[in-house]
């Protein structure tokens, strides 16, 4: 997977997971049923999305040449900060 695609997948999974977790938690608090029912499953699904997004980010958001983890700014960088080669 290319680094820029991995970053887009990470942001998508993070946003979907955050919305699901917030919806599940708010629903559980409004019903006073913490940990019961469908709302708990929705919050759990949101946590799974966030976790999968973080794993994808850490596995594939690397320089194709030197395989160092590119920690920030890939959207604006065209070269790897470690080796200087083109990222895409």
N, C-alpha and C. Protein backbone atom coordinates (compact mmCIF):
# COMPACT_ATOMS: atom_id res chain seq x y z
N UNK A 1 0.85 -1.17 0.00
CA UNK A 1 0.00 0.00 0.00
C UNK A 1 0.90 1.24 0.00
N UNK A 2 0.57 2.20 -0.83
CA UNK A 2 1.34 3.43 -0.89
C UNK A 2 1.12 4.26 0.38
N UNK A 3 2.12 5.05 0.78
CA UNK A 3 2.00 5.82 2.02
C UNK A 3 0.84 6.81 2.02
N UNK A 4 0.61 7.48 0.93
CA UNK A 4 -0.49 8.46 0.90
C UNK A 4 -1.85 7.77 0.99
N UNK A 5 -2.00 6.62 0.38
CA UNK A 5 -3.24 5.87 0.48
C UNK A 5 -3.44 5.37 1.91
N UNK A 6 -2.36 4.93 2.54
CA UNK A 6 -2.46 4.49 3.93
C UNK A 6 -2.90 5.62 4.84
N UNK A 7 -2.41 6.82 4.57
CA UNK A 7 -2.80 7.96 5.39
C UNK A 7 -4.27 8.29 5.19
N UNK A 8 -4.76 8.20 3.96
CA UNK A 8 -6.18 8.48 3.70
C UNK A 8 -7.07 7.44 4.37
N UNK A 9 -6.66 6.17 4.32
CA UNK A 9 -7.43 5.11 4.99
C UNK A 9 -7.43 5.35 6.49
N UNK A 10 -6.28 5.77 7.04
CA UNK A 10 -6.20 6.06 8.47
C UNK A 10 -7.17 7.17 8.87
N UNK A 11 -7.17 8.26 8.13
CA UNK A 11 -8.08 9.37 8.46
C UNK A 11 -9.54 8.95 8.32
N UNK A 12 -9.86 8.16 7.30
CA UNK A 12 -11.23 7.71 7.11
C UNK A 12 -11.67 6.80 8.27
N UNK A 13 -10.82 5.83 8.65
CA UNK A 13 -11.16 4.93 9.75
C UNK A 13 -11.25 5.69 11.06
N UNK A 14 -10.37 6.66 11.26
CA UNK A 14 -10.41 7.45 12.49
C UNK A 14 -11.69 8.26 12.60
N UNK A 15 -12.11 8.87 11.50
CA UNK A 15 -13.33 9.68 11.56
C UNK A 15 -14.58 8.81 11.72
N UNK A 16 -14.66 7.70 11.00
CA UNK A 16 -15.81 6.80 11.16
C UNK A 16 -15.85 6.23 12.57
N UNK A 17 -14.70 5.81 13.09
CA UNK A 17 -14.65 5.26 14.44
C UNK A 17 -15.03 6.27 15.50
N UNK A 18 -14.59 7.50 15.34
CA UNK A 18 -14.92 8.53 16.31
C UNK A 18 -16.42 8.82 16.33
N UNK A 19 -17.02 8.89 15.16
CA UNK A 19 -18.46 9.14 15.09
C UNK A 19 -19.23 7.97 15.71
N UNK A 20 -18.83 6.75 15.41
CA UNK A 20 -19.52 5.59 15.98
C UNK A 20 -19.38 5.54 17.50
N UNK A 21 -18.16 5.79 17.99
CA UNK A 21 -17.97 5.75 19.45
C UNK A 21 -18.77 6.85 20.14
N UNK A 22 -18.76 8.05 19.58
CA UNK A 22 -19.50 9.15 20.19
C UNK A 22 -21.00 8.87 20.18
N UNK A 23 -21.50 8.32 19.07
CA UNK A 23 -22.93 7.98 18.99
C UNK A 23 -23.30 6.91 20.01
N UNK A 24 -22.47 5.88 20.11
CA UNK A 24 -22.75 4.82 21.07
C UNK A 24 -22.71 5.29 22.51
N UNK A 25 -21.72 6.11 22.85
CA UNK A 25 -21.60 6.59 24.23
C UNK A 25 -22.73 7.54 24.59
N UNK A 26 -23.08 8.45 23.69
CA UNK A 26 -24.18 9.37 23.96
C UNK A 26 -25.49 8.61 24.11
N UNK A 27 -25.71 7.63 23.27
CA UNK A 27 -26.94 6.83 23.37
C UNK A 27 -26.98 6.06 24.68
N UNK A 28 -25.85 5.50 25.09
CA UNK A 28 -25.83 4.77 26.38
C UNK A 28 -26.10 5.71 27.54
N UNK A 29 -25.55 6.92 27.49
CA UNK A 29 -25.76 7.86 28.59
C UNK A 29 -27.20 8.37 28.64
N UNK A 30 -27.82 8.53 27.48
CA UNK A 30 -29.21 9.01 27.45
C UNK A 30 -30.18 7.97 27.97
N UNK A 31 -29.87 6.70 27.78
CA UNK A 31 -30.77 5.62 28.20
C UNK A 31 -30.44 5.09 29.58
N UNK A 32 -29.33 5.53 30.17
CA UNK A 32 -28.87 5.03 31.48
C UNK A 32 -28.67 3.52 31.47
N UNK A 33 -28.19 2.99 30.37
CA UNK A 33 -27.92 1.57 30.23
C UNK A 33 -26.47 1.38 29.80
N UNK A 34 -25.55 1.64 30.69
CA UNK A 34 -24.14 1.55 30.34
C UNK A 34 -23.77 0.09 30.08
N UNK A 35 -23.23 -0.18 28.92
CA UNK A 35 -22.75 -1.51 28.57
C UNK A 35 -23.82 -2.49 28.14
N UNK A 36 -25.02 -2.02 27.88
CA UNK A 36 -26.09 -2.93 27.49
C UNK A 36 -26.66 -2.50 26.15
N UNK A 37 -27.10 -3.45 25.38
CA UNK A 37 -27.83 -3.17 24.16
C UNK A 37 -26.97 -2.84 22.97
N UNK A 38 -27.64 -2.35 21.95
CA UNK A 38 -27.01 -2.07 20.67
C UNK A 38 -26.02 -0.92 20.76
N UNK A 39 -26.25 0.04 21.64
CA UNK A 39 -25.35 1.19 21.75
C UNK A 39 -23.95 0.77 22.15
N UNK A 40 -23.83 -0.24 22.98
CA UNK A 40 -22.51 -0.73 23.38
C UNK A 40 -21.81 -1.37 22.19
N UNK A 41 -22.55 -2.06 21.34
CA UNK A 41 -21.95 -2.65 20.15
C UNK A 41 -21.49 -1.57 19.16
N UNK A 42 -22.25 -0.49 19.07
CA UNK A 42 -21.87 0.61 18.18
C UNK A 42 -20.59 1.26 18.68
N UNK A 43 -20.48 1.49 19.98
CA UNK A 43 -19.27 2.07 20.55
C UNK A 43 -18.08 1.13 20.38
N UNK A 44 -18.31 -0.16 20.54
CA UNK A 44 -17.25 -1.14 20.35
C UNK A 44 -16.79 -1.18 18.89
N UNK A 45 -17.74 -1.10 17.95
CA UNK A 45 -17.39 -1.07 16.53
C UNK A 45 -16.56 0.18 16.21
N UNK A 46 -16.88 1.29 16.83
CA UNK A 46 -16.09 2.50 16.65
C UNK A 46 -14.67 2.33 17.15
N UNK A 47 -14.52 1.67 18.29
CA UNK A 47 -13.18 1.40 18.82
C UNK A 47 -12.39 0.49 17.89
N UNK A 48 -13.06 -0.47 17.29
CA UNK A 48 -12.40 -1.37 16.33
C UNK A 48 -11.92 -0.58 15.11
N UNK A 49 -12.75 0.34 14.59
CA UNK A 49 -12.35 1.16 13.45
C UNK A 49 -11.11 1.99 13.78
N UNK A 50 -11.09 2.61 14.95
CA UNK A 50 -9.94 3.43 15.34
C UNK A 50 -8.68 2.58 15.46
N UNK A 51 -8.82 1.39 16.05
CA UNK A 51 -7.67 0.50 16.22
C UNK A 51 -7.13 0.02 14.88
N UNK A 52 -8.01 -0.38 13.98
CA UNK A 52 -7.58 -0.83 12.65
C UNK A 52 -6.91 0.31 11.89
N UNK A 53 -7.44 1.50 11.99
CA UNK A 53 -6.83 2.65 11.34
C UNK A 53 -5.44 2.93 11.87
N UNK A 54 -5.25 2.82 13.18
CA UNK A 54 -3.93 3.05 13.77
C UNK A 54 -2.94 1.98 13.33
N UNK A 55 -3.38 0.74 13.25
CA UNK A 55 -2.49 -0.34 12.81
C UNK A 55 -2.09 -0.14 11.35
N UNK A 56 -3.04 0.22 10.50
CA UNK A 56 -2.73 0.47 9.08
C UNK A 56 -1.75 1.64 8.96
N UNK A 57 -1.96 2.67 9.74
CA UNK A 57 -1.06 3.81 9.69
C UNK A 57 0.36 3.42 10.09
N UNK A 58 0.52 2.64 11.13
CA UNK A 58 1.85 2.27 11.59
C UNK A 58 2.53 1.24 10.70
N UNK A 59 1.76 0.44 9.99
CA UNK A 59 2.37 -0.55 9.11
C UNK A 59 2.75 0.01 7.74
N UNK A 60 1.93 0.87 7.18
CA UNK A 60 2.10 1.27 5.79
C UNK A 60 2.49 2.72 5.57
N UNK A 61 2.54 3.55 6.59
CA UNK A 61 2.89 4.96 6.42
C UNK A 61 4.40 5.10 6.54
N UNK A 62 5.12 4.47 5.62
CA UNK A 62 6.58 4.43 5.64
C UNK A 62 7.13 4.86 4.29
N UNK A 63 8.40 5.25 4.33
CA UNK A 63 9.10 5.59 3.10
C UNK A 63 9.31 4.30 2.30
N UNK A 64 9.00 4.30 1.00
CA UNK A 64 9.20 3.10 0.20
C UNK A 64 10.67 2.71 0.04
N UNK A 65 11.58 3.65 0.18
CA UNK A 65 13.00 3.36 -0.03
C UNK A 65 13.69 2.86 1.24
N UNK A 66 13.59 3.63 2.34
CA UNK A 66 14.35 3.27 3.55
C UNK A 66 13.48 2.62 4.62
N UNK A 67 12.18 2.61 4.45
CA UNK A 67 11.21 1.98 5.35
C UNK A 67 11.16 2.61 6.74
N UNK A 68 11.60 3.86 6.85
CA UNK A 68 11.43 4.58 8.11
C UNK A 68 9.99 5.07 8.21
N UNK A 69 9.48 5.11 9.42
CA UNK A 69 8.13 5.60 9.65
C UNK A 69 8.12 7.11 9.45
N UNK A 70 7.28 7.59 8.54
CA UNK A 70 7.15 9.02 8.30
C UNK A 70 6.13 9.53 9.30
N UNK A 71 6.58 10.31 10.25
CA UNK A 71 5.73 10.64 11.39
C UNK A 71 4.74 11.76 11.12
N UNK A 72 5.11 12.73 10.30
CA UNK A 72 4.17 13.83 10.07
C UNK A 72 4.47 14.52 8.74
N UNK A 73 3.46 15.17 8.24
CA UNK A 73 3.64 16.02 7.08
C UNK A 73 3.74 15.32 5.73
N UNK A 74 3.27 14.10 5.62
CA UNK A 74 3.39 13.41 4.33
C UNK A 74 2.53 14.08 3.27
N UNK A 75 1.47 14.74 3.67
CA UNK A 75 0.62 15.39 2.69
C UNK A 75 1.36 16.51 1.97
N UNK A 76 2.32 17.15 2.65
CA UNK A 76 3.03 18.27 2.07
C UNK A 76 4.45 17.92 1.64
N UNK A 77 5.00 16.82 2.15
CA UNK A 77 6.35 16.45 1.80
C UNK A 77 6.37 15.64 0.51
N UNK A 78 7.39 15.89 -0.28
CA UNK A 78 7.56 15.09 -1.49
C UNK A 78 8.76 14.16 -1.37
N UNK A 79 9.63 14.44 -0.38
CA UNK A 79 10.81 13.62 -0.16
C UNK A 79 10.83 13.10 1.27
N UNK A 80 11.45 11.95 1.47
CA UNK A 80 11.58 11.35 2.79
C UNK A 80 12.53 12.20 3.65
N UNK A 81 12.15 12.49 4.90
CA UNK A 81 13.05 13.28 5.74
C UNK A 81 14.32 12.52 6.16
N UNK A 82 14.31 11.19 6.04
CA UNK A 82 15.46 10.39 6.46
C UNK A 82 16.47 10.17 5.33
N UNK A 83 15.99 9.77 4.15
CA UNK A 83 16.92 9.41 3.07
C UNK A 83 16.88 10.39 1.89
N UNK A 84 15.85 11.21 1.78
CA UNK A 84 15.78 12.19 0.72
C UNK A 84 15.20 11.70 -0.60
N UNK A 85 14.74 10.46 -0.66
CA UNK A 85 14.15 9.95 -1.91
C UNK A 85 12.69 10.36 -2.03
N UNK A 86 12.18 10.30 -3.24
CA UNK A 86 10.78 10.65 -3.50
C UNK A 86 9.85 9.66 -2.80
N UNK A 87 8.75 10.17 -2.23
CA UNK A 87 7.82 9.29 -1.51
C UNK A 87 6.85 8.61 -2.46
N UNK A 88 6.37 9.28 -3.46
CA UNK A 88 5.45 8.66 -4.41
C UNK A 88 5.83 8.95 -5.81
